[in-house]
Amino acid sequence: MAEEGKEITRDEIQAIFNDIVNGLEELYSQGITYRNMEPANIWLTQDKEWKLSGLEHCLIGDARRSVKDEVGSGNFIYRSPETDKGIYGTKSDLWSLGVILFELAFGSLPFGDPLRR
């Protein structure tokens, strides 16, 4: 999302976050759980809007309820703990969004990078 080595400003973080939340709200209003929240799936358009990609992993149904799904989805670094049990819902998406927000603000993952242990 940000160029390597370039510090991202608070205003840029807020713009990214607002656009992602608006995208999630639109999906949820249609009964869709995103469940693939990770930086690789957040793109900047030519119109300077941040959009979600990777929609092939979405679950269609009542987005207000968590659902059991045996097929894992999304990058494990950003997934919420309950997804290890196959449980997905809007809370899982928001967990992942929180991890991304932390990473944008502080330049590191909130729980350390499991790939560098």
N, C-alpha and C. Protein backbone atom coordinates (compact mmCIF):
# COMPACT_ATOMS: atom_id res chain seq x y z
N MET A 1 0.81 -1.19 0.00
CA MET A 1 0.00 0.00 0.00
C MET A 1 0.85 1.26 0.00
N ALA A 2 1.94 1.25 0.75
CA ALA A 2 2.85 2.38 0.75
C ALA A 2 4.15 1.95 0.09
N GLU A 3 4.83 2.93 -0.48
CA GLU A 3 6.11 2.61 -1.09
C GLU A 3 7.09 2.17 -0.01
N GLU A 4 7.91 1.19 -0.33
CA GLU A 4 8.89 0.69 0.63
C GLU A 4 9.81 1.82 1.06
N GLY A 5 10.01 1.95 2.37
CA GLY A 5 10.88 2.97 2.92
C GLY A 5 10.24 4.33 3.06
N LYS A 6 9.02 4.51 2.54
CA LYS A 6 8.34 5.80 2.62
C LYS A 6 7.38 5.78 3.80
N GLU A 7 7.50 6.75 4.66
CA GLU A 7 6.61 6.83 5.81
C GLU A 7 5.24 7.33 5.34
N ILE A 8 4.20 6.73 5.87
CA ILE A 8 2.85 7.09 5.49
C ILE A 8 2.30 8.07 6.53
N THR A 9 1.59 9.09 6.07
CA THR A 9 1.08 10.11 6.99
C THR A 9 -0.23 9.66 7.63
N ARG A 10 -0.56 10.34 8.71
CA ARG A 10 -1.82 10.06 9.41
C ARG A 10 -3.02 10.28 8.48
N ASP A 11 -2.97 11.34 7.68
CA ASP A 11 -4.07 11.62 6.74
C ASP A 11 -4.21 10.50 5.70
N GLU A 12 -3.07 9.99 5.22
CA GLU A 12 -3.11 8.88 4.26
C GLU A 12 -3.69 7.62 4.90
N ILE A 13 -3.29 7.35 6.14
CA ILE A 13 -3.83 6.19 6.86
C ILE A 13 -5.34 6.34 7.01
N GLN A 14 -5.79 7.53 7.38
CA GLN A 14 -7.22 7.76 7.56
C GLN A 14 -7.97 7.58 6.25
N ALA A 15 -7.42 8.06 5.14
CA ALA A 15 -8.06 7.90 3.84
C ALA A 15 -8.18 6.43 3.46
N ILE A 16 -7.12 5.69 3.66
CA ILE A 16 -7.14 4.25 3.36
C ILE A 16 -8.19 3.57 4.22
N PHE A 17 -8.14 3.84 5.52
CA PHE A 17 -9.06 3.20 6.46
C PHE A 17 -10.52 3.53 6.11
N ASN A 18 -10.79 4.80 5.83
CA ASN A 18 -12.17 5.21 5.49
C ASN A 18 -12.67 4.50 4.24
N ASP A 19 -11.84 4.44 3.21
CA ASP A 19 -12.25 3.77 1.97
C ASP A 19 -12.50 2.28 2.20
N ILE A 20 -11.66 1.64 2.99
CA ILE A 20 -11.84 0.21 3.25
C ILE A 20 -13.12 -0.03 4.05
N VAL A 21 -13.34 0.80 5.08
CA VAL A 21 -14.57 0.65 5.88
C VAL A 21 -15.80 0.87 5.01
N ASN A 22 -15.77 1.85 4.12
CA ASN A 22 -16.89 2.07 3.21
C ASN A 22 -17.12 0.85 2.31
N GLY A 23 -16.04 0.25 1.82
CA GLY A 23 -16.16 -0.96 1.00
C GLY A 23 -16.75 -2.12 1.79
N LEU A 24 -16.29 -2.28 3.03
CA LEU A 24 -16.83 -3.36 3.87
C LEU A 24 -18.31 -3.12 4.17
N GLU A 25 -18.67 -1.89 4.46
CA GLU A 25 -20.08 -1.58 4.73
C GLU A 25 -20.96 -1.94 3.54
N GLU A 26 -20.47 -1.66 2.34
CA GLU A 26 -21.23 -2.00 1.13
C GLU A 26 -21.39 -3.51 1.01
N LEU A 27 -20.31 -4.24 1.24
CA LEU A 27 -20.41 -5.71 1.19
C LEU A 27 -21.37 -6.23 2.24
N TYR A 28 -21.24 -5.74 3.47
CA TYR A 28 -22.10 -6.21 4.56
C TYR A 28 -23.57 -5.90 4.30
N SER A 29 -23.84 -4.75 3.68
CA SER A 29 -25.22 -4.38 3.38
C SER A 29 -25.86 -5.35 2.38
N GLN A 30 -25.01 -6.07 1.65
CA GLN A 30 -25.50 -7.06 0.69
C GLN A 30 -25.39 -8.48 1.24
N GLY A 31 -25.07 -8.61 2.54
CA GLY A 31 -24.98 -9.92 3.17
C GLY A 31 -23.70 -10.67 2.84
N ILE A 32 -22.63 -9.94 2.54
CA ILE A 32 -21.38 -10.57 2.13
C ILE A 32 -20.31 -10.33 3.19
N THR A 33 -19.65 -11.40 3.62
CA THR A 33 -18.50 -11.31 4.52
C THR A 33 -17.25 -11.38 3.66
N TYR A 34 -16.35 -10.42 3.81
CA TYR A 34 -15.19 -10.31 2.93
C TYR A 34 -14.18 -11.44 3.17
N ARG A 35 -13.67 -11.59 4.34
CA ARG A 35 -12.77 -12.63 4.85
C ARG A 35 -11.46 -12.83 4.10
N ASN A 36 -10.97 -11.80 3.45
CA ASN A 36 -9.69 -11.90 2.76
C ASN A 36 -8.90 -10.60 2.93
N MET A 37 -8.99 -10.01 4.13
CA MET A 37 -8.38 -8.72 4.40
C MET A 37 -6.88 -8.87 4.60
N GLU A 38 -6.13 -8.29 3.70
CA GLU A 38 -4.68 -8.24 3.80
C GLU A 38 -4.19 -7.13 2.86
N PRO A 39 -3.03 -6.57 3.13
CA PRO A 39 -2.56 -5.45 2.31
C PRO A 39 -2.51 -5.75 0.81
N ALA A 40 -2.21 -6.98 0.44
CA ALA A 40 -2.12 -7.32 -0.98
C ALA A 40 -3.46 -7.18 -1.70
N ASN A 41 -4.56 -7.12 -0.95
CA ASN A 41 -5.89 -7.01 -1.54
C ASN A 41 -6.48 -5.61 -1.42
N ILE A 42 -5.63 -4.63 -1.15
CA ILE A 42 -6.09 -3.25 -1.06
C ILE A 42 -5.34 -2.45 -2.13
N TRP A 43 -6.10 -1.89 -3.05
CA TRP A 43 -5.51 -1.25 -4.23
C TRP A 43 -5.93 0.21 -4.33
N LEU A 44 -5.03 1.04 -4.82
CA LEU A 44 -5.32 2.44 -5.07
C LEU A 44 -5.72 2.61 -6.53
N THR A 45 -6.89 3.20 -6.77
CA THR A 45 -7.37 3.39 -8.13
C THR A 45 -6.78 4.68 -8.71
N GLN A 46 -6.99 4.88 -10.00
CA GLN A 46 -6.55 6.11 -10.65
C GLN A 46 -7.27 7.33 -10.07
N ASP A 47 -8.45 7.11 -9.50
CA ASP A 47 -9.22 8.19 -8.89
C ASP A 47 -8.81 8.45 -7.45
N LYS A 48 -7.70 7.82 -7.01
CA LYS A 48 -7.17 7.98 -5.65
C LYS A 48 -8.12 7.44 -4.59
N GLU A 49 -8.84 6.37 -4.92
CA GLU A 49 -9.69 5.69 -3.95
C GLU A 49 -9.09 4.31 -3.68
N TRP A 50 -9.18 3.87 -2.43
CA TRP A 50 -8.69 2.56 -2.05
C TRP A 50 -9.82 1.56 -2.18
N LYS A 51 -9.56 0.44 -2.86
CA LYS A 51 -10.59 -0.57 -3.13
C LYS A 51 -10.09 -1.94 -2.68
N LEU A 52 -11.05 -2.80 -2.40
CA LEU A 52 -10.75 -4.18 -2.02
C LEU A 52 -10.77 -5.08 -3.24
N SER A 53 -9.83 -6.00 -3.30
CA SER A 53 -9.84 -7.04 -4.33
C SER A 53 -9.86 -8.39 -3.62
N GLY A 54 -9.76 -9.47 -4.36
CA GLY A 54 -9.78 -10.79 -3.75
C GLY A 54 -11.17 -11.22 -3.32
N LEU A 55 -12.17 -10.79 -4.06
CA LEU A 55 -13.56 -11.05 -3.68
C LEU A 55 -13.97 -12.51 -3.87
N GLU A 56 -13.12 -13.31 -4.50
CA GLU A 56 -13.47 -14.73 -4.71
C GLU A 56 -13.55 -15.51 -3.40
N HIS A 57 -13.04 -14.96 -2.32
CA HIS A 57 -13.08 -15.66 -1.03
C HIS A 57 -14.26 -15.24 -0.14
N CYS A 58 -15.08 -14.33 -0.64
CA CYS A 58 -16.21 -13.84 0.15
C CYS A 58 -17.22 -14.94 0.44
N LEU A 59 -17.92 -14.77 1.56
CA LEU A 59 -19.05 -15.65 1.89
C LEU A 59 -20.33 -14.85 1.73
N ILE A 60 -21.29 -15.44 1.05
CA ILE A 60 -22.57 -14.77 0.83
C ILE A 60 -23.59 -15.38 1.77
N GLY A 61 -24.29 -14.53 2.46
CA GLY A 61 -25.29 -14.95 3.44
C GLY A 61 -25.54 -13.79 4.37
N ASP A 62 -25.88 -14.07 5.60
CA ASP A 62 -26.12 -13.03 6.59
C ASP A 62 -24.78 -12.59 7.17
N ALA A 63 -24.29 -11.44 6.74
CA ALA A 63 -22.97 -10.97 7.16
C ALA A 63 -22.92 -10.63 8.65
N ARG A 64 -24.08 -10.51 9.29
CA ARG A 64 -24.09 -10.19 10.72
C ARG A 64 -23.80 -11.42 11.57
N ARG A 65 -23.92 -12.61 10.99
CA ARG A 65 -23.67 -13.84 11.74
C ARG A 65 -22.32 -14.43 11.34
N SER A 66 -21.65 -15.03 12.30
CA SER A 66 -20.44 -15.78 11.97
C SER A 66 -20.88 -17.12 11.42
N VAL A 67 -20.12 -17.64 10.48
CA VAL A 67 -20.45 -18.92 9.86
C VAL A 67 -19.27 -19.85 9.95
N LYS A 68 -19.55 -21.13 9.93
CA LYS A 68 -18.51 -22.15 9.94
C LYS A 68 -18.17 -22.48 8.50
N ASP A 69 -16.89 -22.43 8.19
CA ASP A 69 -16.43 -22.75 6.85
C ASP A 69 -15.08 -23.43 6.99
N GLU A 70 -15.00 -24.65 6.51
CA GLU A 70 -13.78 -25.44 6.67
C GLU A 70 -12.65 -24.98 5.76
N VAL A 71 -12.96 -24.19 4.75
CA VAL A 71 -11.94 -23.75 3.80
C VAL A 71 -11.33 -22.46 4.33
N GLY A 72 -10.05 -22.50 4.70
CA GLY A 72 -9.37 -21.31 5.20
C GLY A 72 -9.25 -20.26 4.11
N SER A 73 -9.21 -19.01 4.52
CA SER A 73 -9.12 -17.93 3.55
C SER A 73 -8.31 -16.80 4.13
N GLY A 74 -7.54 -16.14 3.28
CA GLY A 74 -6.76 -14.99 3.70
C GLY A 74 -5.40 -15.38 4.25
N ASN A 75 -4.55 -14.40 4.36
CA ASN A 75 -3.20 -14.57 4.87
C ASN A 75 -3.26 -14.77 6.38
N PHE A 76 -2.65 -15.83 6.89
CA PHE A 76 -2.76 -16.16 8.31
C PHE A 76 -2.22 -15.05 9.21
N ILE A 77 -1.35 -14.22 8.71
CA ILE A 77 -0.80 -13.12 9.52
C ILE A 77 -1.90 -12.13 9.91
N TYR A 78 -2.89 -11.97 9.06
CA TYR A 78 -3.95 -10.99 9.28
C TYR A 78 -5.26 -11.59 9.76
N ARG A 79 -5.36 -12.91 9.77
CA ARG A 79 -6.62 -13.57 10.15
C ARG A 79 -6.83 -13.54 11.66
N SER A 80 -8.09 -13.48 12.05
CA SER A 80 -8.44 -13.50 13.47
C SER A 80 -8.32 -14.92 14.04
N PRO A 81 -8.16 -15.05 15.35
CA PRO A 81 -7.95 -16.38 15.95
C PRO A 81 -9.07 -17.38 15.66
N GLU A 82 -10.32 -16.93 15.61
CA GLU A 82 -11.42 -17.89 15.41
C GLU A 82 -11.42 -18.51 14.01
N THR A 83 -10.72 -17.87 13.07
CA THR A 83 -10.68 -18.45 11.72
C THR A 83 -9.90 -19.76 11.68
N ASP A 84 -9.02 -19.98 12.68
CA ASP A 84 -8.33 -21.27 12.76
C ASP A 84 -9.30 -22.42 13.01
N LYS A 85 -10.47 -22.08 13.54
CA LYS A 85 -11.52 -23.07 13.78
C LYS A 85 -12.55 -23.05 12.65
N GLY A 86 -12.28 -22.27 11.61
CA GLY A 86 -13.19 -22.19 10.47
C GLY A 86 -14.38 -21.28 10.68
N ILE A 87 -14.31 -20.37 11.65
CA ILE A 87 -15.42 -19.47 11.94
C ILE A 87 -15.10 -18.09 11.37
N TYR A 88 -15.96 -17.62 10.49
CA TYR A 88 -15.77 -16.33 9.83
C TYR A 88 -16.99 -15.45 10.03
N GLY A 89 -16.77 -14.15 10.12
CA GLY A 89 -17.84 -13.18 10.21
C GLY A 89 -17.28 -11.79 10.11
N THR A 90 -18.13 -10.80 10.29
CA THR A 90 -17.68 -9.42 10.18
C THR A 90 -16.61 -9.11 11.23
N LYS A 91 -16.71 -9.74 12.40
CA LYS A 91 -15.71 -9.51 13.44
C LYS A 91 -14.33 -9.97 12.97
N SER A 92 -14.29 -11.02 12.19
CA SER A 92 -13.02 -11.50 11.63
C SER A 92 -12.43 -10.47 10.68
N ASP A 93 -13.29 -9.89 9.84
CA ASP A 93 -12.83 -8.85 8.92
C ASP A 93 -12.29 -7.65 9.69
N LEU A 94 -12.98 -7.28 10.76
CA LEU A 94 -12.56 -6.10 11.53
C LEU A 94 -11.27 -6.36 12.29
N TRP A 95 -11.06 -7.58 12.75
CA TRP A 95 -9.78 -7.95 13.37
C TRP A 95 -8.66 -7.71 12.35
N SER A 96 -8.85 -8.24 11.17
CA SER A 96 -7.83 -8.12 10.12
C SER A 96 -7.59 -6.66 9.76
N LEU A 97 -8.65 -5.88 9.70
CA LEU A 97 -8.53 -4.46 9.42
C LEU A 97 -7.73 -3.77 10.52
N GLY A 98 -7.95 -4.17 11.76
CA GLY A 98 -7.19 -3.61 12.88
C GLY A 98 -5.70 -3.91 12.78
N VAL A 99 -5.37 -5.13 12.36
CA VAL A 99 -3.96 -5.50 12.18
C VAL A 99 -3.33 -4.63 11.10
N ILE A 100 -4.06 -4.41 10.02
CA ILE A 100 -3.54 -3.57 8.93
C ILE A 100 -3.38 -2.13 9.40
N LEU A 101 -4.35 -1.62 10.14
CA LEU A 101 -4.26 -0.26 10.66
C LEU A 101 -3.04 -0.11 11.56
N PHE A 102 -2.80 -1.08 12.44
CA PHE A 102 -1.63 -1.06 13.30
C PHE A 102 -0.35 -1.05 12.47
N GLU A 103 -0.32 -1.90 11.47
CA GLU A 103 0.87 -2.00 10.62
C GLU A 103 1.14 -0.68 9.88
N LEU A 104 0.08 -0.04 9.40
CA LEU A 104 0.23 1.25 8.72
C LEU A 104 0.75 2.32 9.68
N ALA A 105 0.22 2.32 10.90
CA ALA A 105 0.56 3.37 11.85
C ALA A 105 1.96 3.19 12.44
N PHE A 106 2.35 1.94 12.68
CA PHE A 106 3.60 1.70 13.41
C PHE A 106 4.69 1.01 12.60
N GLY A 107 4.36 0.58 11.39
CA GLY A 107 5.37 -0.02 10.53
C GLY A 107 5.75 -1.45 10.88
N SER A 108 4.98 -2.07 11.76
CA SER A 108 5.23 -3.47 12.12
C SER A 108 3.91 -4.14 12.49
N LEU A 109 3.93 -5.44 12.54
CA LEU A 109 2.73 -6.18 12.92
C LEU A 109 2.55 -6.12 14.44
N PRO A 110 1.31 -6.12 14.93
CA PRO A 110 1.09 -5.98 16.37
C PRO A 110 1.61 -7.14 17.21
N PHE A 111 1.74 -8.32 16.63
CA PHE A 111 2.16 -9.49 17.39
C PHE A 111 3.51 -10.01 16.92
N GLY A 112 4.25 -9.18 16.22
CA GLY A 112 5.52 -9.61 15.65
C GLY A 112 5.29 -10.31 14.32
N ASP A 113 6.33 -10.51 13.57
CA ASP A 113 6.24 -11.16 12.26
C ASP A 113 6.58 -12.64 12.44
N PRO A 114 5.59 -13.52 12.31
CA PRO A 114 5.86 -14.96 12.50
C PRO A 114 6.79 -15.54 11.46
N LEU A 115 6.99 -14.86 10.36
CA LEU A 115 7.89 -15.35 9.32
C LEU A 115 9.35 -15.05 9.64
N ARG A 116 9.58 -14.24 10.64
CA ARG A 116 10.96 -13.84 10.99
C ARG A 116 11.38 -14.41 12.33
N ARG A 117 10.75 -15.46 12.79
CA ARG A 117 11.11 -16.07 14.07
C ARG A 117 12.06 -17.21 13.86
